[in-house]
Amino acid sequence: LGPIDRTYGHRALAVGDAAGLVKATTGGGIYYSLLSGRLAAETIGKCLRAGTLDAEALSEYERRWRAELADEFDAQMHLRRLSHHLVDDEIDGLFDLARTDGVGIMPLVRKTAKFNKHRDVIVSLLAHPSARRVLMRRVLGWGRTA
C-alpha cells in the first residue's frame, strides 16, 4: 500500500492503482484514479504543446499529485500502521467509544469525516484523548503484547 517511488518516466506516467494511489484505510482507489488521471492528462497536454514527453517534463505530474495528496496518504498510512498493532479488545474499545455518542468519537466523525479524504477524521481521532489512548497503547508499549 502506498505510492510507488516514482510515478513518471520518459514517455510514461503511472496513475491510480498502478501508481499505488489507493486509500490505505480502505483499499479504495476510484477517487484517486480519477484525480491522478486528470492531473496526468493536464500534464501530458502541457508537455505535448511544448513538444516533449521526457521524464523531466512529465515529473510535473508527480509534483502536482504529491502536493495535493501527500498529507492525506501520510495520515492514512499512519492510522493503518497504528491499527495494525491493535488486538481485538482494543478494537472493541474503539467501537465502544463510537457507541457512546456525545462523549465518544461520533461527534468528531460527523464533523470531520469525508468519504474520499480521511486525514481530518484521523487527526481528530488522534487528538481525542480516549481514542488516542486506545490507538497508541500498543505502539507505546502501554499494554500487553499480542
Protein backbone atom coordinates (compact mmCIF):
# COMPACT_ATOMS: atom_id res chain seq x y z
CA LEU A 1 0.00 0.00 0.00
CA GLY A 2 1.13 3.47 -0.80
CA PRO A 3 2.52 5.35 -3.76
CA ILE A 4 5.35 3.86 -5.79
CA ASP A 5 8.68 5.66 -5.56
CA ARG A 6 8.37 7.35 -8.93
CA THR A 7 5.20 7.77 -10.99
CA TYR A 8 6.76 9.27 -14.10
CA GLY A 9 9.42 8.37 -16.64
CA HIS A 10 10.34 9.03 -20.24
CA ARG A 11 7.03 8.99 -22.16
CA ALA A 12 5.21 7.32 -19.23
CA LEU A 13 3.05 8.16 -16.24
CA ALA A 14 1.55 5.78 -13.66
CA VAL A 15 -1.88 6.74 -12.36
CA GLY A 16 -4.39 5.35 -9.87
CA ASP A 17 -3.84 1.81 -8.63
CA ALA A 18 -0.83 1.36 -10.95
CA ALA A 19 0.87 4.22 -9.09
CA GLY A 20 -0.18 2.86 -5.69
CA LEU A 21 -2.58 5.78 -5.21
CA VAL A 22 -5.14 4.00 -3.04
CA LYS A 23 -6.67 4.65 0.36
CA ALA A 24 -4.55 2.94 2.99
CA THR A 25 -7.60 3.00 5.25
CA THR A 26 -9.99 1.12 2.95
CA GLY A 27 -8.06 -0.01 -0.13
CA GLY A 28 -10.37 2.08 -2.32
CA GLY A 29 -8.93 3.98 -5.20
CA ILE A 30 -11.54 5.27 -7.63
CA TYR A 31 -11.30 8.84 -6.35
CA TYR A 32 -7.50 8.84 -6.58
CA SER A 33 -7.61 7.20 -10.01
CA LEU A 34 -9.86 9.95 -11.32
CA LEU A 35 -7.84 12.71 -9.67
CA SER A 36 -4.47 11.38 -10.81
CA GLY A 37 -5.87 10.69 -14.29
CA ARG A 38 -6.97 14.32 -14.57
CA LEU A 39 -3.57 15.55 -13.39
CA ALA A 40 -1.83 13.18 -15.82
CA ALA A 41 -3.98 14.38 -18.74
CA GLU A 42 -3.30 18.02 -17.90
CA THR A 43 0.43 17.35 -17.63
CA ILE A 44 0.54 15.37 -20.88
CA GLY A 45 -1.40 18.11 -22.67
CA LYS A 46 1.06 20.72 -21.49
CA CYS A 47 4.01 18.53 -22.48
CA LEU A 48 2.58 17.84 -25.95
CA ARG A 49 2.11 21.56 -26.53
CA ALA A 50 5.76 22.06 -25.50
CA GLY A 51 6.84 19.21 -27.80
CA THR A 52 8.40 16.97 -25.15
CA LEU A 53 7.44 13.89 -23.21
CA ASP A 54 10.73 13.41 -21.42
CA ALA A 55 10.91 12.44 -17.76
CA GLU A 56 11.87 15.92 -16.60
CA ALA A 57 8.80 17.49 -18.21
CA LEU A 58 6.49 14.70 -17.03
CA SER A 59 7.81 14.97 -13.46
CA GLU A 60 5.37 17.88 -13.02
CA TYR A 61 2.61 15.26 -12.72
CA GLU A 62 4.19 13.74 -9.62
CA ARG A 63 4.87 17.13 -8.07
CA ARG A 64 1.20 18.03 -8.54
CA TRP A 65 -0.35 14.85 -7.14
CA ARG A 66 2.07 14.86 -4.20
CA ALA A 67 1.22 18.49 -3.43
CA GLU A 68 -2.46 17.58 -3.38
CA LEU A 69 -2.39 14.13 -1.79
CA ALA A 70 0.83 13.51 0.17
CA ASP A 71 -0.55 14.69 3.53
CA GLU A 72 -3.66 12.57 3.00
CA PHE A 73 -1.63 9.44 2.21
CA ASP A 74 0.69 10.06 5.17
CA ALA A 75 -2.24 10.32 7.61
CA GLN A 76 -3.90 7.20 6.23
CA MET A 77 -0.68 5.17 6.42
CA HIS A 78 -0.08 6.38 9.97
CA LEU A 79 -3.53 5.18 11.05
CA ARG A 80 -3.07 1.90 9.20
CA ARG A 81 0.24 1.25 10.97
CA LEU A 82 -1.32 2.07 14.34
CA SER A 83 -4.39 -0.07 13.77
CA HIS A 84 -2.26 -3.00 12.58
CA HIS A 85 -0.98 -3.39 16.15
CA LEU A 86 -4.41 -3.43 17.81
CA VAL A 87 -5.79 -6.58 19.35
CA ASP A 88 -9.49 -7.46 19.46
CA ASP A 89 -10.11 -5.86 22.88
CA GLU A 90 -8.64 -2.58 21.68
CA ILE A 91 -10.72 -2.63 18.50
CA ASP A 92 -13.77 -3.31 20.67
CA GLY A 93 -12.75 -0.30 22.78
CA LEU A 94 -12.87 1.94 19.70
CA PHE A 95 -16.35 0.62 18.87
CA ASP A 96 -17.40 1.30 22.47
CA LEU A 97 -16.21 4.88 22.03
CA ALA A 98 -18.26 5.13 18.84
CA ARG A 99 -21.35 3.85 20.66
CA THR A 100 -21.08 6.41 23.47
CA ASP A 101 -22.43 9.25 21.37
CA GLY A 102 -21.88 12.70 22.79
CA VAL A 103 -18.74 11.87 24.77
CA GLY A 104 -17.34 9.34 22.31
CA ILE A 105 -15.87 9.80 18.88
CA MET A 106 -19.02 10.03 16.75
CA PRO A 107 -19.36 13.81 17.07
CA LEU A 108 -15.81 14.09 15.71
CA VAL A 109 -16.59 11.68 12.89
CA ARG A 110 -19.74 13.58 11.96
CA LYS A 111 -17.86 16.87 11.95
CA THR A 112 -14.69 15.83 10.13
CA ALA A 113 -15.35 12.71 8.03
CA LYS A 114 -15.29 13.00 4.25
CA PHE A 115 -15.81 9.99 2.03
CA ASN A 116 -12.69 10.41 -0.09
CA LYS A 117 -10.47 12.31 2.33
CA HIS A 118 -9.76 10.73 5.70
CA ARG A 119 -6.98 12.95 7.05
CA ASP A 120 -9.21 15.29 9.05
CA VAL A 121 -11.01 12.48 10.86
CA ILE A 122 -7.70 10.70 11.53
CA VAL A 123 -6.16 13.84 13.03
CA SER A 124 -9.31 14.36 15.12
CA LEU A 125 -9.20 10.78 16.40
CA LEU A 126 -5.56 11.11 17.36
CA ALA A 127 -6.37 14.34 19.21
CA HIS A 128 -9.28 12.73 21.11
CA PRO A 129 -7.82 11.56 24.47
CA SER A 130 -9.76 8.28 24.72
CA ALA A 131 -9.28 7.29 21.08
CA ARG A 132 -5.60 8.27 21.18
CA ARG A 133 -5.14 6.15 24.31
CA VAL A 134 -6.61 3.10 22.57
CA LEU A 135 -4.69 3.67 19.33
CA MET A 136 -1.34 4.40 20.96
CA ARG A 137 -1.41 1.87 23.82
CA ARG A 138 0.19 -0.98 21.91
CA VAL A 139 2.59 1.18 19.91
CA LEU A 140 3.94 2.85 23.05
CA GLY A 141 4.07 -0.42 24.96
CA TRP A 142 1.30 0.54 27.39
CA GLY A 143 -0.47 -2.80 27.06
CA ARG A 144 0.32 -6.45 26.85
CA THR A 145 1.99 -7.71 23.71
CA ALA A 146 -0.01 -9.73 21.23
